[in-house]
Amino acid sequence: MKPIELASGIYSVGAVDWNARDFHGYSIWNGTTYNAYLIIDEQITLIDTVKKEFVHELITNISRIIDPKKIDQVISNHTEMDHSGGLFEVMSFIGKDKPVYCSEKGLENLSRHFYQKLNLKSIKDKDSLKIGKRTLTFLETRMLHWPDSMFTYVNEDKILFSSDAFGEHYAGPERFDDEIKDEKILPHAKKYYANILLPYSPLIKKLIERVTALGLQINMICPDHGIIWRANPLKIISAYAEWCEQKPSKKAVVVYDTMWHSTAKMAEAIVAGLQNAGIYALPMNLRTSDRSDTIAEVFDAGAVIVGSPTLNNGLFPTVSDFLTYMKGLKPKNKIGAAFGSYGWSGESIKLIHRELEEMKFNMMDADVSIKFVPDENDIKACFDFGEKIGKKLFVSF
């Protein structure tokens, strides 16, 4: 991606990863971007770097604007390796003696990432740095989504460099929100929130309240992944304000895997029962649906029904994986239920129930388990089970 001027003397100079499909277990079917930003002022400043493999693209983009060796300093908003992986190579190219500004936790993290000596300078929340006609103000955003995370705000241009907040894993020809339709980009932003930021929803709520209290005007939001919000930055802030509340909807997701299709037949009957009760219901087979896509659907669902056959007196591996993944994301305000088929022991249903209960789901009084292949009466029982859940969910609104 060629550099793009965002405002007078401020450029997007990062890289596009068109071919990435997995981000530490998160499916990114449309690739991603590693956004970095260059500010031309009396002190030329680079905000964030890129994944190590894309340093050449970053340096090439900077070279189209200035000699990279003229960069005076680097701001590291976040030390995760998709943003700092290329930091040592960049500093080796522009001069390792030049300062790298980061949060106090960032200094600690970067010291553990790069044992080669860098000129790391820690800054505190609300500290400012005068770089010429512009002033940069730093806001700590701890645990959004790492302890070191921070925002950089350009006071004069009212541009917020928001690190991993307000972004999405998306690589496309569009670079700005006014170049892409909401229905195309917001699902990527929602999936990003659901899989990365969901556990930190209470902190996000406080952050939005804090930014409002500070009275910061924001003309543009420049995240480290995905598109830049220049036409309507309030749109993504409003979406975060809504998402952090985790309000359930009249939607149910039936998550399952199956060995010989018995659990699948149960899942389909439960979905039919939910739909009969007026609920928007989706079956998600974990063998064909990536767990991160499944979580994106679970995120705004009011009910999550999980099914598994029993294998070796336990859960089917994909279901166990999903439950572990979902537990770490700490979803709230959901009805929960379990179902499954078994041959001779049937522990999977109890294990699912226990896991959902530990996640503080509002559990149904009884789950459904069927031995071997469900018959006509069993299918009706599953339909009735789904309908019962649907009615409970329906009356919640």
Protein backbone atom coordinates (compact mmCIF):
# COMPACT_ATOMS: atom_id res chain seq x y z
CA MET A 1 0.00 0.00 0.00
CA LYS A 2 1.36 3.40 -0.99
CA PRO A 3 1.51 6.19 1.60
CA ILE A 4 -1.66 8.24 1.98
CA GLU A 5 -1.76 11.79 3.29
CA LEU A 6 -4.34 11.97 6.09
CA ALA A 7 -3.81 15.64 6.95
CA SER A 8 -1.13 18.16 6.10
CA GLY A 9 2.14 16.39 6.88
CA ILE A 10 0.51 13.27 8.39
CA TYR A 11 0.69 10.02 6.44
CA SER A 12 -0.39 6.41 6.64
CA VAL A 13 2.71 4.38 5.74
CA GLY A 14 1.93 0.85 6.90
CA ALA A 15 1.63 -2.46 5.11
CA VAL A 16 -1.13 -4.72 3.78
CA ASP A 17 -0.98 -8.44 4.52
CA TRP A 18 -3.23 -9.72 1.74
CA ASN A 19 -2.47 -13.39 2.33
CA ALA A 20 -2.84 -13.76 6.10
CA ARG A 21 -5.65 -16.12 7.06
CA ASP A 22 -4.91 -16.85 10.71
CA PHE A 23 -4.00 -14.49 13.55
CA HIS A 24 -3.02 -16.64 16.54
CA GLY A 25 -6.20 -18.71 16.19
CA TYR A 26 -8.44 -15.93 14.86
CA SER A 27 -9.59 -16.44 11.27
CA ILE A 28 -8.90 -13.45 9.02
CA TRP A 29 -10.46 -14.47 5.72
CA ASN A 30 -9.84 -11.00 4.25
CA GLY A 31 -6.25 -10.61 5.43
CA THR A 32 -5.23 -7.63 7.55
CA THR A 33 -3.18 -4.45 7.63
CA TYR A 34 -0.39 -3.31 9.91
CA ASN A 35 -0.96 0.43 10.01
CA ALA A 36 1.86 2.82 10.87
CA TYR A 37 1.82 6.60 10.67
CA LEU A 38 4.37 9.29 9.87
CA ILE A 39 4.17 12.90 11.08
CA ILE A 40 6.37 15.47 9.34
CA ASP A 41 7.20 18.29 11.74
CA GLU A 42 10.32 19.81 13.31
CA GLN A 43 10.77 16.40 14.93
CA ILE A 44 9.74 13.77 12.39
CA THR A 45 7.80 11.09 14.21
CA LEU A 46 6.84 7.53 13.31
CA ILE A 47 3.87 6.07 15.19
CA ASP A 48 4.13 2.29 15.46
CA THR A 49 5.96 -0.06 13.13
CA VAL A 50 4.82 -3.29 11.46
CA LYS A 51 5.18 -7.04 11.62
CA LYS A 52 8.82 -7.97 11.04
CA GLU A 53 8.18 -9.49 7.60
CA PHE A 54 6.80 -6.16 6.32
CA VAL A 55 9.61 -3.79 7.36
CA HIS A 56 10.77 -3.41 3.76
CA GLU A 57 7.31 -2.20 2.72
CA LEU A 58 7.23 0.26 5.62
CA ILE A 59 10.67 1.68 4.79
CA THR A 60 9.75 1.89 1.10
CA ASN A 61 6.60 3.84 1.92
CA ILE A 62 8.46 6.24 4.19
CA SER A 63 11.12 6.69 1.50
CA ARG A 64 8.45 7.99 -0.87
CA ILE A 65 7.97 10.92 1.51
CA ILE A 66 11.33 11.51 3.22
CA ASP A 67 14.66 9.83 3.81
CA PRO A 68 13.78 7.41 6.68
CA LYS A 69 17.04 8.32 8.41
CA LYS A 70 15.56 11.76 9.03
CA ILE A 71 13.03 10.28 11.45
CA ASP A 72 13.79 11.72 14.88
CA GLN A 73 11.73 9.42 17.10
CA VAL A 74 9.29 6.53 17.18
CA ILE A 75 6.13 6.14 19.26
CA SER A 76 5.23 2.57 20.23
CA ASN A 77 1.55 2.49 21.22
CA HIS A 78 1.49 -1.29 21.66
CA THR A 79 4.24 -3.89 21.95
CA GLU A 80 2.47 -6.88 20.39
CA MET A 81 4.67 -8.22 17.62
CA ASP A 82 2.37 -7.32 14.73
CA HIS A 83 3.17 -3.69 15.63
CA SER A 84 6.61 -3.91 17.22
CA GLY A 85 8.07 -6.94 15.42
CA GLY A 86 9.86 -4.68 12.96
CA LEU A 87 10.96 -2.13 15.56
CA PHE A 88 14.55 -3.27 15.95
CA GLU A 89 15.10 -3.41 12.17
CA VAL A 90 13.57 0.06 11.77
CA MET A 91 15.73 1.51 14.54
CA SER A 92 18.82 -0.18 13.11
CA PHE A 93 18.07 1.56 9.81
CA ILE A 94 17.23 5.04 11.15
CA GLY A 95 19.56 5.01 14.18
CA LYS A 96 19.33 2.94 17.38
CA ASP A 97 20.25 5.97 19.49
CA LYS A 98 17.00 7.73 18.57
CA PRO A 99 14.27 7.63 21.23
CA VAL A 100 11.39 5.16 21.22
CA TYR A 101 8.57 6.52 23.37
CA CYS A 102 6.24 4.03 25.03
CA SER A 103 4.21 3.56 28.19
CA GLU A 104 5.91 2.39 31.38
CA LYS A 105 4.59 -1.12 30.75
CA GLY A 106 5.66 -0.75 27.15
CA LEU A 107 9.24 -0.12 28.25
CA GLU A 108 9.12 -3.27 30.34
CA ASN A 109 7.63 -5.32 27.49
CA LEU A 110 9.93 -4.00 24.76
CA SER A 111 12.92 -4.72 26.97
CA ARG A 112 11.77 -8.33 27.11
CA HIS A 113 11.05 -8.48 23.38
CA PHE A 114 14.36 -7.01 22.23
CA TYR A 115 17.45 -7.77 24.22
CA GLN A 116 19.48 -5.57 21.87
CA LYS A 117 19.80 -2.09 23.34
CA LEU A 118 17.25 0.50 22.22
CA ASN A 119 16.82 4.03 23.53
CA LEU A 120 13.48 3.41 25.24
CA LYS A 121 11.76 6.36 26.93
CA SER A 122 8.72 5.77 29.11
CA ILE A 123 5.89 8.29 29.23
CA LYS A 124 2.96 8.57 31.61
CA ASP A 125 -0.73 9.01 31.15
CA LYS A 126 -1.59 12.54 29.87
CA ASP A 127 2.07 13.35 29.19
CA SER A 128 2.64 15.57 26.16
CA LEU A 129 5.44 15.79 23.63
CA LYS A 130 6.00 18.93 21.56
CA ILE A 131 7.33 17.98 18.12
CA GLY A 132 7.18 21.41 16.47
CA LYS A 133 3.90 23.01 15.53
CA ARG A 134 2.18 19.93 16.86
CA THR A 135 1.77 18.46 20.33
CA LEU A 136 1.22 14.78 20.99
CA THR A 137 -0.74 13.75 24.08
CA PHE A 138 -0.59 10.19 25.38
CA LEU A 139 -3.44 8.32 27.05
CA GLU A 140 -2.80 5.04 28.81
CA THR A 141 -5.35 2.39 27.86
CA ARG A 142 -4.15 -0.49 29.99
CA MET A 143 -5.58 -3.90 29.07
CA LEU A 144 -7.04 -2.65 25.80
CA HIS A 145 -5.91 -5.16 25.11
CA TRP A 146 -2.40 -5.47 26.66
CA PRO A 147 -1.06 -3.81 29.84
CA ASP A 148 1.19 -1.55 27.75
CA SER A 149 -1.48 -0.20 25.38
CA MET A 150 -1.85 3.54 24.89
CA PHE A 151 -3.32 6.10 22.49
CA THR A 152 -1.50 8.99 20.86
CA TYR A 153 -3.57 12.13 20.18
CA VAL A 154 -2.48 15.00 17.93
CA ASN A 155 -3.93 18.05 19.65
CA GLU A 156 -3.90 20.43 16.71
CA ASP A 157 -5.30 18.03 14.08
CA LYS A 158 -7.60 16.22 16.53
CA ILE A 159 -6.43 12.85 15.23
CA LEU A 160 -6.43 9.82 17.51
CA PHE A 161 -3.94 7.03 16.86
CA SER A 162 -5.82 4.30 18.70
CA SER A 163 -3.54 1.27 18.54
CA ASP A 164 -5.65 -1.93 18.51
CA ALA A 165 -8.89 -0.21 19.47
CA PHE A 166 -11.49 0.70 16.82
CA GLY A 167 -9.83 -1.50 14.19
CA GLU A 168 -10.55 -4.71 12.38
CA HIS A 169 -8.68 -7.41 10.49
CA TYR A 170 -9.49 -6.42 6.93
CA ALA A 171 -7.37 -6.01 3.82
CA GLY A 172 -9.10 -4.45 0.86
CA PRO A 173 -8.84 -1.63 -1.64
CA GLU A 174 -10.64 0.69 0.76
CA ARG A 175 -8.63 2.74 3.25
CA PHE A 176 -11.33 4.94 4.79
CA ASP A 177 -14.80 4.53 6.23
CA ASP A 178 -16.34 6.64 3.47
CA GLU A 179 -14.98 4.23 0.85
CA ILE A 180 -16.74 1.14 2.20
CA LYS A 181 -20.32 0.39 3.17
CA ASP A 182 -21.18 -0.12 6.84
CA GLU A 183 -22.63 -3.57 6.18
CA LYS A 184 -19.28 -4.65 4.74
CA ILE A 185 -16.89 -3.29 7.36
CA LEU A 186 -18.85 -3.25 10.63
CA PRO A 187 -19.13 -7.07 10.77
CA HIS A 188 -15.31 -7.20 10.68
CA ALA A 189 -15.16 -4.60 13.46
CA LYS A 190 -17.71 -6.56 15.50
CA LYS A 191 -15.80 -9.81 15.03
CA TYR A 192 -12.61 -8.04 16.12
CA TYR A 193 -14.31 -6.71 19.24
CA ALA A 194 -15.89 -10.08 20.06
CA ASN A 195 -12.65 -12.05 19.76
CA ILE A 196 -10.10 -9.58 21.13
CA LEU A 197 -11.68 -6.84 23.21
CA LEU A 198 -14.75 -8.50 24.72
CA PRO A 199 -13.12 -9.40 28.07
CA TYR A 200 -12.22 -5.74 28.55
CA SER A 201 -15.72 -4.35 27.97
CA PRO A 202 -15.91 -2.70 31.43
CA LEU A 203 -12.62 -0.92 30.74
CA ILE A 204 -13.82 0.19 27.31
CA LYS A 205 -16.92 1.68 28.88
CA LYS A 206 -14.75 3.63 31.32
CA LEU A 207 -12.44 4.73 28.49
CA ILE A 208 -15.33 6.14 26.45
CA GLU A 209 -16.61 7.95 29.55
CA ARG A 210 -13.12 9.28 30.20
CA VAL A 211 -12.61 10.58 26.66
CA THR A 212 -16.03 12.24 26.87
CA ALA A 213 -15.13 13.85 30.19
CA LEU A 214 -11.81 15.11 28.80
CA GLY A 215 -13.72 16.81 26.00
CA LEU A 216 -11.41 15.50 23.31
CA GLN A 217 -12.59 16.39 19.86
CA ILE A 218 -11.85 13.60 17.41
CA ASN A 219 -11.82 14.36 13.70
CA MET A 220 -10.19 11.08 12.72
CA ILE A 221 -9.43 7.70 14.29
CA CYS A 222 -6.39 5.86 12.97
CA PRO A 223 -6.22 2.28 14.31
CA ASP A 224 -3.37 -0.17 13.80
CA HIS A 225 -5.53 -2.57 11.76
CA GLY A 226 -8.08 -1.98 9.03
CA ILE A 227 -9.70 1.20 7.80
CA ILE A 228 -9.27 4.76 9.04
CA TRP A 229 -12.38 6.51 10.37
CA ARG A 230 -12.31 9.98 8.87
CA ALA A 231 -15.89 10.69 7.70
CA ASN A 232 -17.65 9.62 10.88
CA PRO A 233 -15.34 8.54 13.73
CA LEU A 234 -18.31 8.73 16.09
CA LYS A 235 -19.81 5.70 14.31
CA ILE A 236 -17.19 3.25 15.59
CA ILE A 237 -17.12 4.91 19.03
CA SER A 238 -20.91 4.51 19.24
CA ALA A 239 -20.60 0.88 18.16
CA TYR A 240 -18.07 0.24 20.95
CA ALA A 241 -20.34 2.01 23.44
CA GLU A 242 -23.14 -0.37 22.44
CA TRP A 243 -20.99 -3.51 22.28
CA CYS A 244 -19.42 -2.99 25.70
CA GLU A 245 -22.88 -3.19 27.28
CA GLN A 246 -23.24 -6.79 26.00
CA LYS A 247 -27.00 -6.48 25.68
CA PRO A 248 -28.56 -9.78 24.54
CA SER A 249 -30.86 -9.97 21.54
CA LYS A 250 -33.63 -12.30 20.36
CA LYS A 251 -31.00 -14.49 18.78
CA ALA A 252 -29.76 -17.97 19.67
CA VAL A 253 -26.69 -19.86 18.50
CA VAL A 254 -26.58 -23.63 18.61
CA VAL A 255 -22.90 -24.62 18.73
CA TYR A 256 -21.99 -28.27 18.27
CA ASP A 257 -19.90 -30.99 16.71
CA THR A 258 -20.97 -34.49 15.82
CA MET A 259 -19.44 -37.92 15.21
CA TRP A 260 -22.16 -39.93 13.43
CA HIS A 261 -24.70 -37.13 12.90
CA SER A 262 -26.84 -37.88 15.94
CA THR A 263 -25.82 -34.66 17.72
CA ALA A 264 -26.25 -32.81 14.40
CA LYS A 265 -29.85 -34.05 14.10
CA MET A 266 -30.48 -32.85 17.64
CA ALA A 267 -28.99 -29.44 16.82
CA GLU A 268 -31.19 -29.01 13.76
CA ALA A 269 -34.32 -29.89 15.77
CA ILE A 270 -33.36 -27.43 18.52
CA VAL A 271 -32.85 -24.69 15.93
CA ALA A 272 -36.28 -25.44 14.45
CA GLY A 273 -37.85 -25.17 17.91
CA LEU A 274 -36.13 -21.85 18.58
CA GLN A 275 -37.32 -20.49 15.26
CA ASN A 276 -40.85 -21.65 15.99
CA ALA A 277 -40.73 -19.53 19.15
CA GLY A 278 -39.88 -16.45 17.07
CA ILE A 279 -36.13 -16.47 17.71
CA TYR A 280 -33.47 -15.84 15.10
CA ALA A 281 -31.46 -19.07 15.46
CA LEU A 282 -28.24 -20.26 13.85
CA PRO A 283 -26.59 -23.70 13.93
CA MET A 284 -22.78 -23.49 14.05
CA ASN A 285 -20.99 -26.77 13.35
CA LEU A 286 -17.50 -26.44 14.81
CA ARG A 287 -16.07 -28.71 12.13
CA THR A 288 -17.06 -26.25 9.42
CA SER A 289 -17.26 -22.94 11.35
CA ASP A 290 -14.11 -21.35 12.72
CA ARG A 291 -14.31 -20.68 16.44
CA SER A 292 -13.68 -16.94 15.94
CA ASP A 293 -16.58 -16.72 13.46
CA THR A 294 -18.71 -18.66 15.93
CA ILE A 295 -17.83 -16.22 18.71
CA ALA A 296 -18.80 -13.32 16.45
CA GLU A 297 -22.30 -14.84 16.29
CA VAL A 298 -22.38 -15.75 19.99
CA PHE A 299 -21.37 -12.19 20.90
CA ASP A 300 -24.82 -10.61 20.49
CA ALA A 301 -26.90 -13.74 21.06
CA GLY A 302 -29.26 -14.01 23.99
CA ALA A 303 -28.95 -17.78 24.20
CA VAL A 304 -26.08 -20.19 23.54
CA ILE A 305 -26.88 -23.89 23.34
CA VAL A 306 -23.84 -26.18 23.14
CA GLY A 307 -23.89 -29.80 22.03
CA SER A 308 -21.33 -32.60 21.95
CA PRO A 309 -21.15 -36.35 21.63
CA THR A 310 -19.29 -38.12 24.42
CA LEU A 311 -15.81 -39.28 23.44
CA ASN A 312 -13.60 -41.21 25.86
CA ASN A 313 -15.84 -40.19 28.76
CA GLY A 314 -15.38 -36.52 27.86
CA LEU A 315 -16.11 -33.76 25.39
CA PHE A 316 -15.48 -33.91 21.67
CA PRO A 317 -12.16 -32.02 21.11
CA THR A 318 -13.59 -29.17 19.03
CA VAL A 319 -16.28 -28.51 21.64
CA SER A 320 -13.74 -28.54 24.45
CA ASP A 321 -11.59 -26.10 22.47
CA PHE A 322 -14.55 -23.79 21.86
CA LEU A 323 -15.64 -23.76 25.50
CA THR A 324 -12.10 -22.94 26.63
CA TYR A 325 -11.89 -20.15 24.06
CA MET A 326 -15.31 -18.72 24.95
CA LYS A 327 -14.60 -18.84 28.70
CA GLY A 328 -11.53 -16.64 28.24
CA LEU A 329 -13.62 -14.01 26.44
CA LYS A 330 -16.07 -13.74 29.38
CA PRO A 331 -19.37 -13.24 27.53
CA LYS A 332 -22.28 -12.07 29.69
CA ASN A 333 -26.06 -11.90 29.81
CA LYS A 334 -26.83 -15.21 28.09
CA ILE A 335 -29.17 -18.15 28.56
CA GLY A 336 -27.22 -21.41 28.41
CA ALA A 337 -28.12 -25.04 27.76
CA ALA A 338 -26.41 -28.31 26.84
CA PHE A 339 -27.33 -31.27 24.68
CA GLY A 340 -25.68 -34.29 23.10
CA SER A 341 -25.76 -37.93 22.16
CA TYR A 342 -23.76 -40.78 23.66
CA GLY A 343 -23.20 -44.50 23.41
CA TRP A 344 -22.65 -45.79 26.93
CA SER A 345 -21.53 -43.09 29.36
CA GLY A 346 -22.83 -39.61 28.41
CA GLU A 347 -20.56 -37.31 30.42
CA SER A 348 -20.37 -34.59 27.74
CA ILE A 349 -23.70 -32.97 28.64
CA LYS A 350 -22.78 -32.59 32.32
CA LEU A 351 -19.37 -31.20 31.37
CA ILE A 352 -20.89 -28.60 29.04
CA HIS A 353 -23.45 -27.62 31.66
CA ARG A 354 -20.71 -27.15 34.24
CA GLU A 355 -18.60 -25.02 31.91
CA LEU A 356 -21.50 -22.73 30.98
CA GLU A 357 -22.53 -22.48 34.61
CA GLU A 358 -18.99 -21.38 35.52
CA MET A 359 -19.31 -18.67 32.86
CA LYS A 360 -22.38 -17.46 34.80
CA PHE A 361 -24.83 -18.24 32.01
CA ASN A 362 -28.49 -18.36 33.03
CA MET A 363 -28.87 -22.13 32.70
CA MET A 364 -32.00 -24.00 31.72
CA ASP A 365 -33.40 -26.32 34.37
CA ALA A 366 -32.74 -29.43 32.30
CA ASP A 367 -30.55 -30.39 29.35
CA VAL A 368 -31.20 -32.98 26.65
CA SER A 369 -29.20 -36.17 26.15
CA ILE A 370 -30.01 -39.04 23.79
CA LYS A 371 -28.47 -42.51 23.59
CA PHE A 372 -27.20 -43.39 20.13
CA VAL A 373 -29.48 -42.32 17.24
CA PRO A 374 -32.45 -40.05 18.00
CA ASP A 375 -35.85 -41.42 16.99
CA GLU A 376 -38.97 -39.46 16.14
CA ASN A 377 -39.82 -38.89 19.81
CA ASP A 378 -36.27 -37.75 20.55
CA ILE A 379 -36.37 -35.24 17.70
CA LYS A 380 -39.65 -33.88 19.05
CA ALA A 381 -38.07 -33.58 22.51
CA CYS A 382 -35.24 -31.55 20.98
CA PHE A 383 -37.72 -29.35 19.10
CA ASP A 384 -39.65 -28.77 22.33
CA PHE A 385 -36.37 -28.01 24.12
CA GLY A 386 -35.49 -25.36 21.55
CA GLU A 387 -38.98 -23.91 21.72
CA LYS A 388 -38.80 -23.72 25.51
CA ILE A 389 -35.49 -21.85 25.36
CA GLY A 390 -36.91 -19.58 22.67
CA LYS A 391 -39.95 -18.71 24.77
CA LYS A 392 -37.74 -17.94 27.75
CA LEU A 393 -35.60 -15.70 25.61
CA PHE A 394 -38.58 -14.07 23.91
CA VAL A 395 -40.21 -12.99 27.16
CA SER A 396 -36.93 -11.37 28.26
CA PHE A 397 -37.62 -8.51 25.83
